[in-house]
Amino acid sequence: CAALTQAILETKDVEELFATAFRAHRILQQGRGSGADVATSCLGGILGYQLTHPQAPFGALETKDMPAQFHIQDARVQRLSPWPCRLRLEPIWLGTPASSRHRIRRVEAAWAASTTSVQECFLEIHDVTVSALDALTKQNEEGLLEAFERGDQAMQVLGDATGAPIVTDLHRRLRDHAGSFEV
């Protein structure tokens, strides 16, 4: 979506690029998905990202708004400090693609069956995100690693509560391997 929008617009203004690509993404996905991947593709770097008007059936949670350097349509974006230099973040292909649509359908079904339990999972994920953003802003490596651990557990709980396997056995094996190294 970002690349196609860039080719059509031929703009160097990354915020304009993101705003247009985000609108296209929302239309094409019928409001599903956060668009965080679109933001990252358009803007690059380390971002704080908050979707302010989630798709139905999910309502906006009663949470504190993230500080934002700019706000477009249904999203707030904050550019963050550089990554803490002693930590490395490495994307790793685990051999199978994730089906976002499948997981979203399961989360929607769980939401319909028990809004409260799913909402509690979302609130924990929000709290972890706030902690991670704070740690990044302060270049607090230990705080960031703690947020990653809490986030991993929160995503595991969400996956268990919804039947949407977010943290897979391969993720757990990789986590255990990475955890064997000292920081």
C-alpha atoms as a PDB file:
ATOM      1  CA  CYS A   1       0.000   0.000   0.000  1.00  0.00           C
ATOM      2  CA  ALA A   2       2.818   2.390   0.893  1.00  0.00           C
ATOM      3  CA  ALA A   3       4.844   1.610  -2.241  1.00  0.00           C
ATOM      4  CA  LEU A   4       1.861   1.929  -4.573  1.00  0.00           C
ATOM      5  CA  THR A   5       0.815   5.214  -2.945  1.00  0.00           C
ATOM      6  CA  GLN A   6       4.389   6.515  -3.285  1.00  0.00           C
ATOM      7  CA  ALA A   7       4.435   5.597  -6.976  1.00  0.00           C
ATOM      8  CA  ILE A   8       1.138   7.371  -7.593  1.00  0.00           C
ATOM      9  CA  LEU A   9       1.780  10.493  -5.495  1.00  0.00           C
ATOM     10  CA  GLU A  10       5.473  10.949  -6.247  1.00  0.00           C
ATOM     11  CA  THR A  11       5.732  12.975  -3.024  1.00  0.00           C
ATOM     12  CA  LYS A  12       8.688  13.423  -0.716  1.00  0.00           C
ATOM     13  CA  ASP A  13       6.396  14.483   2.157  1.00  0.00           C
ATOM     14  CA  VAL A  14       6.264  11.303   4.258  1.00  0.00           C
ATOM     15  CA  GLU A  15       3.362  12.536   6.375  1.00  0.00           C
ATOM     16  CA  GLU A  16       1.273  13.165   3.227  1.00  0.00           C
ATOM     17  CA  LEU A  17       2.338   9.755   1.933  1.00  0.00           C
ATOM     18  CA  PHE A  18       1.255   8.076   5.181  1.00  0.00           C
ATOM     19  CA  ALA A  19      -2.072   9.954   5.359  1.00  0.00           C
ATOM     20  CA  THR A  20      -2.971   8.889   1.802  1.00  0.00           C
ATOM     21  CA  ALA A  21      -1.706   5.301   2.163  1.00  0.00           C
ATOM     22  CA  PHE A  22      -3.519   4.980   5.509  1.00  0.00           C
ATOM     23  CA  ARG A  23      -6.838   6.059   3.946  1.00  0.00           C
ATOM     24  CA  ALA A  24      -6.323   3.590   1.088  1.00  0.00           C
ATOM     25  CA  HIS A  25      -5.461   0.811   3.554  1.00  0.00           C
ATOM     26  CA  ARG A  26      -8.606   1.503   5.614  1.00  0.00           C
ATOM     27  CA  ILE A  27     -10.774   1.383   2.482  1.00  0.00           C
ATOM     28  CA  LEU A  28      -9.158  -1.761   1.062  1.00  0.00           C
ATOM     29  CA  GLN A  29      -9.226  -3.568   4.423  1.00  0.00           C
ATOM     30  CA  GLN A  30     -12.765  -2.355   5.195  1.00  0.00           C
ATOM     31  CA  GLY A  31     -11.484  -0.717   8.371  1.00  0.00           C
ATOM     32  CA  ARG A  32      -9.672  -3.809   9.597  1.00  0.00           C
ATOM     33  CA  GLY A  33      -6.122  -3.719  10.842  1.00  0.00           C
ATOM     34  CA  SER A  34      -4.327  -0.930  12.621  1.00  0.00           C
ATOM     35  CA  GLY A  35      -2.290   0.458   9.741  1.00  0.00           C
ATOM     36  CA  ALA A  36       0.828   0.403  11.928  1.00  0.00           C
ATOM     37  CA  ASP A  37       2.642  -1.504   9.182  1.00  0.00           C
ATOM     38  CA  VAL A  38       1.649   1.238   6.718  1.00  0.00           C
ATOM     39  CA  ALA A  39       2.965   3.909   9.113  1.00  0.00           C
ATOM     40  CA  THR A  40       6.274   2.095   9.462  1.00  0.00           C
ATOM     41  CA  SER A  41       6.585   1.604   5.705  1.00  0.00           C
ATOM     42  CA  CYS A  42       5.895   5.283   4.999  1.00  0.00           C
ATOM     43  CA  LEU A  43       7.674   6.965   7.889  1.00  0.00           C
ATOM     44  CA  GLY A  44      10.470   4.579   8.865  1.00  0.00           C
ATOM     45  CA  GLY A  45      12.342   4.703  12.125  1.00  0.00           C
ATOM     46  CA  ILE A  46      10.953   3.907  15.549  1.00  0.00           C
ATOM     47  CA  LEU A  47       7.362   5.008  15.973  1.00  0.00           C
ATOM     48  CA  GLY A  48       4.778   5.190  18.692  1.00  0.00           C
ATOM     49  CA  TYR A  49       1.464   4.451  16.993  1.00  0.00           C
ATOM     50  CA  GLN A  50      -2.100   4.539  18.278  1.00  0.00           C
ATOM     51  CA  LEU A  51      -5.255   3.784  16.331  1.00  0.00           C
ATOM     52  CA  THR A  52      -7.881   6.116  17.768  1.00  0.00           C
ATOM     53  CA  HIS A  53     -10.992   4.630  16.142  1.00  0.00           C
ATOM     54  CA  PRO A  54     -10.726   0.842  15.876  1.00  0.00           C
ATOM     55  CA  GLN A  55     -13.006  -1.039  13.526  1.00  0.00           C
ATOM     56  CA  ALA A  56     -16.254  -2.579  14.716  1.00  0.00           C
ATOM     57  CA  PRO A  57     -16.916  -4.435  16.927  1.00  0.00           C
ATOM     58  CA  PHE A  58     -13.976  -3.097  18.927  1.00  0.00           C
ATOM     59  CA  GLY A  59     -14.577   0.228  20.578  1.00  0.00           C
ATOM     60  CA  ALA A  60     -11.861   2.585  21.633  1.00  0.00           C
ATOM     61  CA  LEU A  61     -10.639   1.561  25.077  1.00  0.00           C
ATOM     62  CA  GLU A  62     -10.654   4.039  27.910  1.00  0.00           C
ATOM     63  CA  THR A  63      -6.930   4.729  27.792  1.00  0.00           C
ATOM     64  CA  LYS A  64      -4.692   7.731  27.908  1.00  0.00           C
ATOM     65  CA  ASP A  65      -3.906   9.179  24.492  1.00  0.00           C
ATOM     66  CA  MET A  66      -0.337   8.717  23.438  1.00  0.00           C
ATOM     67  CA  PRO A  67       1.597  11.933  22.868  1.00  0.00           C
ATOM     68  CA  ALA A  68       1.644  12.503  19.129  1.00  0.00           C
ATOM     69  CA  GLN A  69       3.720  14.613  16.813  1.00  0.00           C
ATOM     70  CA  PHE A  70       0.983  14.347  14.255  1.00  0.00           C
ATOM     71  CA  HIS A  71      -2.518  12.968  14.044  1.00  0.00           C
ATOM     72  CA  ILE A  72      -4.193  11.877  10.834  1.00  0.00           C
ATOM     73  CA  GLN A  73      -7.717  10.572  10.425  1.00  0.00           C
ATOM     74  CA  ASP A  74      -7.843   7.740  12.982  1.00  0.00           C
ATOM     75  CA  ALA A  75      -4.207   7.463  14.074  1.00  0.00           C
ATOM     76  CA  ARG A  76      -1.678   9.254  16.258  1.00  0.00           C
ATOM     77  CA  VAL A  77       2.018   8.944  15.458  1.00  0.00           C
ATOM     78  CA  GLN A  78       5.043   9.824  17.561  1.00  0.00           C
ATOM     79  CA  ARG A  79       8.622   9.591  16.314  1.00  0.00           C
ATOM     80  CA  LEU A  80      10.800   8.138  19.045  1.00  0.00           C
ATOM     81  CA  SER A  81      14.397   8.306  20.147  1.00  0.00           C
ATOM     82  CA  PRO A  82      16.978   6.147  18.477  1.00  0.00           C
ATOM     83  CA  TRP A  83      17.049   2.501  19.443  1.00  0.00           C
ATOM     84  CA  PRO A  84      19.186   1.845  22.564  1.00  0.00           C
ATOM     85  CA  CYS A  85      22.590   1.116  21.105  1.00  0.00           C
ATOM     86  CA  ARG A  86      23.361  -2.025  23.120  1.00  0.00           C
ATOM     87  CA  LEU A  87      20.164  -3.794  22.060  1.00  0.00           C
ATOM     88  CA  ARG A  88      19.604  -5.361  18.664  1.00  0.00           C
ATOM     89  CA  LEU A  89      16.212  -6.002  17.185  1.00  0.00           C
ATOM     90  CA  GLU A  90      16.341  -8.630  14.467  1.00  0.00           C
ATOM     91  CA  PRO A  91      13.416  -9.670  12.279  1.00  0.00           C
ATOM     92  CA  ILE A  92      13.432 -13.432  11.824  1.00  0.00           C
ATOM     93  CA  TRP A  93      11.361 -15.428   9.331  1.00  0.00           C
ATOM     94  CA  LEU A  94       9.880 -18.445  11.098  1.00  0.00           C
ATOM     95  CA  GLY A  95       8.885 -20.201   7.897  1.00  0.00           C
ATOM     96  CA  THR A  96       5.117 -19.630   7.819  1.00  0.00           C
ATOM     97  CA  PRO A  97       3.103 -16.473   7.199  1.00  0.00           C
ATOM     98  CA  ALA A  98       0.629 -15.255   9.796  1.00  0.00           C
ATOM     99  CA  SER A  99      -2.990 -14.928   8.747  1.00  0.00           C
ATOM    100  CA  SER A 100      -4.137 -11.609  10.183  1.00  0.00           C
ATOM    101  CA  ARG A 101      -7.678 -12.107   8.882  1.00  0.00           C
ATOM    102  CA  HIS A 102      -7.946 -15.481  10.606  1.00  0.00           C
ATOM    103  CA  ARG A 103      -6.701 -14.061  13.905  1.00  0.00           C
ATOM    104  CA  ILE A 104      -8.934 -10.987  13.671  1.00  0.00           C
ATOM    105  CA  ARG A 105     -11.993 -13.201  13.113  1.00  0.00           C
ATOM    106  CA  ARG A 106     -11.115 -15.251  16.198  1.00  0.00           C
ATOM    107  CA  VAL A 107     -10.580 -12.134  18.308  1.00  0.00           C
ATOM    108  CA  GLU A 108     -13.914 -10.723  17.078  1.00  0.00           C
ATOM    109  CA  ALA A 109     -15.684 -13.959  18.014  1.00  0.00           C
ATOM    110  CA  ALA A 110     -14.063 -13.961  21.462  1.00  0.00           C
ATOM    111  CA  TRP A 111     -15.022 -10.288  21.885  1.00  0.00           C
ATOM    112  CA  ALA A 112     -18.656 -11.153  21.107  1.00  0.00           C
ATOM    113  CA  ALA A 113     -18.588 -14.044  23.585  1.00  0.00           C
ATOM    114  CA  SER A 114     -16.808 -12.187  26.403  1.00  0.00           C
ATOM    115  CA  THR A 115     -16.070  -8.523  25.775  1.00  0.00           C
ATOM    116  CA  THR A 116     -14.695  -8.049  29.298  1.00  0.00           C
ATOM    117  CA  SER A 117     -11.970 -10.712  29.121  1.00  0.00           C
ATOM    118  CA  VAL A 118     -10.738  -9.564  25.704  1.00  0.00           C
ATOM    119  CA  GLN A 119     -10.875  -5.923  26.772  1.00  0.00           C
ATOM    120  CA  GLU A 120      -8.733  -6.784  29.813  1.00  0.00           C
ATOM    121  CA  CYS A 121      -6.160  -8.301  27.445  1.00  0.00           C
ATOM    122  CA  PHE A 122      -6.216  -5.170  25.272  1.00  0.00           C
ATOM    123  CA  LEU A 123      -5.789  -2.924  28.318  1.00  0.00           C
ATOM    124  CA  GLU A 124      -2.749  -4.917  29.465  1.00  0.00           C
ATOM    125  CA  ILE A 125      -1.246  -4.678  25.981  1.00  0.00           C
ATOM    126  CA  HIS A 126      -1.892  -0.911  26.061  1.00  0.00           C
ATOM    127  CA  ASP A 127      -0.174  -0.606  29.469  1.00  0.00           C
ATOM    128  CA  VAL A 128       2.819  -2.598  28.210  1.00  0.00           C
ATOM    129  CA  THR A 129       3.026  -0.351  25.157  1.00  0.00           C
ATOM    130  CA  VAL A 130       3.024   2.768  27.333  1.00  0.00           C
ATOM    131  CA  SER A 131       5.858   1.246  29.404  1.00  0.00           C
ATOM    132  CA  ALA A 132       7.843   0.398  26.265  1.00  0.00           C
ATOM    133  CA  LEU A 133       7.391   3.911  24.836  1.00  0.00           C
ATOM    134  CA  ASP A 134       8.524   5.402  28.140  1.00  0.00           C
ATOM    135  CA  ALA A 135      11.582   3.130  28.214  1.00  0.00           C
ATOM    136  CA  LEU A 136      12.460   4.046  24.620  1.00  0.00           C
ATOM    137  CA  THR A 137      12.072   7.745  25.320  1.00  0.00           C
ATOM    138  CA  LYS A 138      14.388   7.450  28.344  1.00  0.00           C
ATOM    139  CA  GLN A 139      16.778   5.031  26.541  1.00  0.00           C
ATOM    140  CA  ASN A 140      16.156   2.602  29.421  1.00  0.00           C
ATOM    141  CA  GLU A 141      17.344  -0.762  28.087  1.00  0.00           C
ATOM    142  CA  GLU A 142      16.254  -2.784  31.136  1.00  0.00           C
ATOM    143  CA  GLY A 143      12.816  -1.163  31.104  1.00  0.00           C
ATOM    144  CA  LEU A 144      12.473  -1.965  27.416  1.00  0.00           C
ATOM    145  CA  LEU A 145      13.428  -5.616  27.959  1.00  0.00           C
ATOM    146  CA  GLU A 146      10.908  -5.834  30.821  1.00  0.00           C
ATOM    147  CA  ALA A 147       8.242  -4.376  28.530  1.00  0.00           C
ATOM    148  CA  PHE A 148       9.103  -6.992  25.886  1.00  0.00           C
ATOM    149  CA  GLU A 149       8.684  -9.777  28.448  1.00  0.00           C
ATOM    150  CA  ARG A 150       5.367  -8.362  29.667  1.00  0.00           C
ATOM    151  CA  GLY A 151       4.245  -7.865  26.059  1.00  0.00           C
ATOM    152  CA  ASP A 152       5.100 -11.457  25.195  1.00  0.00           C
ATOM    153  CA  GLN A 153       3.016 -12.663  28.153  1.00  0.00           C
ATOM    154  CA  ALA A 154       0.145 -10.298  27.285  1.00  0.00           C
ATOM    155  CA  MET A 155       0.048 -11.545  23.702  1.00  0.00           C
ATOM    156  CA  GLN A 156       0.126 -15.147  24.972  1.00  0.00           C
ATOM    157  CA  VAL A 157      -2.872 -14.403  27.233  1.00  0.00           C
ATOM    158  CA  LEU A 158      -4.738 -12.720  24.343  1.00  0.00           C
ATOM    159  CA  GLY A 159      -4.019 -15.703  22.101  1.00  0.00           C
ATOM    160  CA  ASP A 160      -5.212 -18.144  24.770  1.00  0.00           C
ATOM    161  CA  ALA A 161      -8.350 -16.087  25.475  1.00  0.00           C
ATOM    162  CA  THR A 162      -9.310 -15.824  21.813  1.00  0.00           C
ATOM    163  CA  GLY A 163      -8.073 -19.071  20.307  1.00  0.00           C
ATOM    164  CA  ALA A 164      -5.912 -16.989  17.958  1.00  0.00           C
ATOM    165  CA  PRO A 165      -2.380 -18.410  18.287  1.00  0.00           C
ATOM    166  CA  ILE A 166      -0.394 -15.177  18.425  1.00  0.00           C
ATOM    167  CA  VAL A 167       2.613 -16.608  20.265  1.00  0.00           C
ATOM    168  CA  THR A 168       3.432 -19.921  18.595  1.00  0.00           C
ATOM    169  CA  ASP A 169       5.714 -22.762  19.679  1.00  0.00           C
ATOM    170  CA  LEU A 170       8.349 -21.388  17.284  1.00  0.00           C
ATOM    171  CA  HIS A 171       8.120 -17.972  18.984  1.00  0.00           C
ATOM    172  CA  ARG A 172       8.525 -19.617  22.389  1.00  0.00           C
ATOM    173  CA  ARG A 173      11.578 -21.598  21.241  1.00  0.00           C
ATOM    174  CA  LEU A 174      13.133 -18.457  19.790  1.00  0.00           C
ATOM    175  CA  ARG A 175      12.329 -16.507  22.971  1.00  0.00           C
ATOM    176  CA  ASP A 176      13.915 -19.219  25.129  1.00  0.00           C
ATOM    177  CA  HIS A 177      17.031 -19.244  22.941  1.00  0.00           C
ATOM    178  CA  ALA A 178      17.348 -15.450  23.024  1.00  0.00           C
ATOM    179  CA  GLY A 179      16.804 -15.480  26.788  1.00  0.00           C
ATOM    180  CA  SER A 180      19.857 -17.684  27.245  1.00  0.00           C
ATOM    181  CA  PHE A 181      22.117 -14.746  26.309  1.00  0.00           C
ATOM    182  CA  GLU A 182      23.167 -12.077  28.797  1.00  0.00           C
ATOM    183  CA  VAL A 183      22.463  -8.422  28.124  1.00  0.00           C
END
